[in-house]
Amino acid sequence: MRINKYLAQAGIASRRKAEDLIKSGKVKVNGKVITELATDIKPTDSVAVENNYVNVNNGFVYYKLNKPKGYISSASDEKGRKTVLELLRGVHTRVFPIGRLDYDTEGLLLLTNDGDLTNIITKPNSEIEKTYVATILGKISDDEIKKLCSGVDIGGYITKPCSAVKTEETETTTKLKITITEGKNRQVRKMLAAINKEIKFLKRVQIGEIHLGGLSRGEYAKLNSKEMKYINKIKSN
């Protein structure tokens, strides 16, 4: 698709005004200023006007949700438990969660109708970082943190190296920030159980470059332009 048509379909301007934007050097494709009106835009290209990411509406929608405890990351549940889709009351497009957070875990969950993105983020070798904040009972030693980071056995599987730092400590609890690059079922819980630590509270706060931000429990929002630029980047790799 020609760049002027792309910008018009993205709702930025008419084709003629889009040409003026291009000629004036206000349009970037994949981070580089372009002034050639004949430039063709591919689906994997990143386009920005005055440094603001734009995208043609392709029918895909992308949301982030602060999942509370007591909800399952599924479209339905045979046991009749509440699902995260019940929290998306204003979303009329059928979406599904990317990956899962277990019933008792809170925090960042992405939802979309883009199957390609789901495959990219959830495939075993994606290497996309997921960051959690865990509050555990008792204390944790430096040696135990090193063991956690080097990889532990979570039931016949040795986890990949990760990062873990102690951020807060009281007489009865310790708070850790843990970043992993894989997503086995209940992985963080199993990793901490492997070094005999009991979790009091667990929350995911980041996936790749997408942060939970200021969303309250149960609140959701569309991904913003910066977050969409990241989505476009990982889809084009």
Foldseek 3Di string as FASTA:
>chain_A
DFPLVFCVLLVNDHSVVSLVQLCVQQKDKQRHRHNDRRDDDDLLIWIDGNNFTTGHCPPKFKKKAWAAAFEWQFPDDPVHTHHLVVLPVVDPDDKHWLATDHRHATEIIMIMPDPLLSCLQAPFPNQWKWKKKFKWWDDDDPVLQVDLQCWFDLDNDTFHGWHKDWDDDDHTITIMIIMGRHDDDVVVCSSCVRSPIGTPHMYIADTRPDGRPPADHSDMDTDGRVVVSVSSNSSND
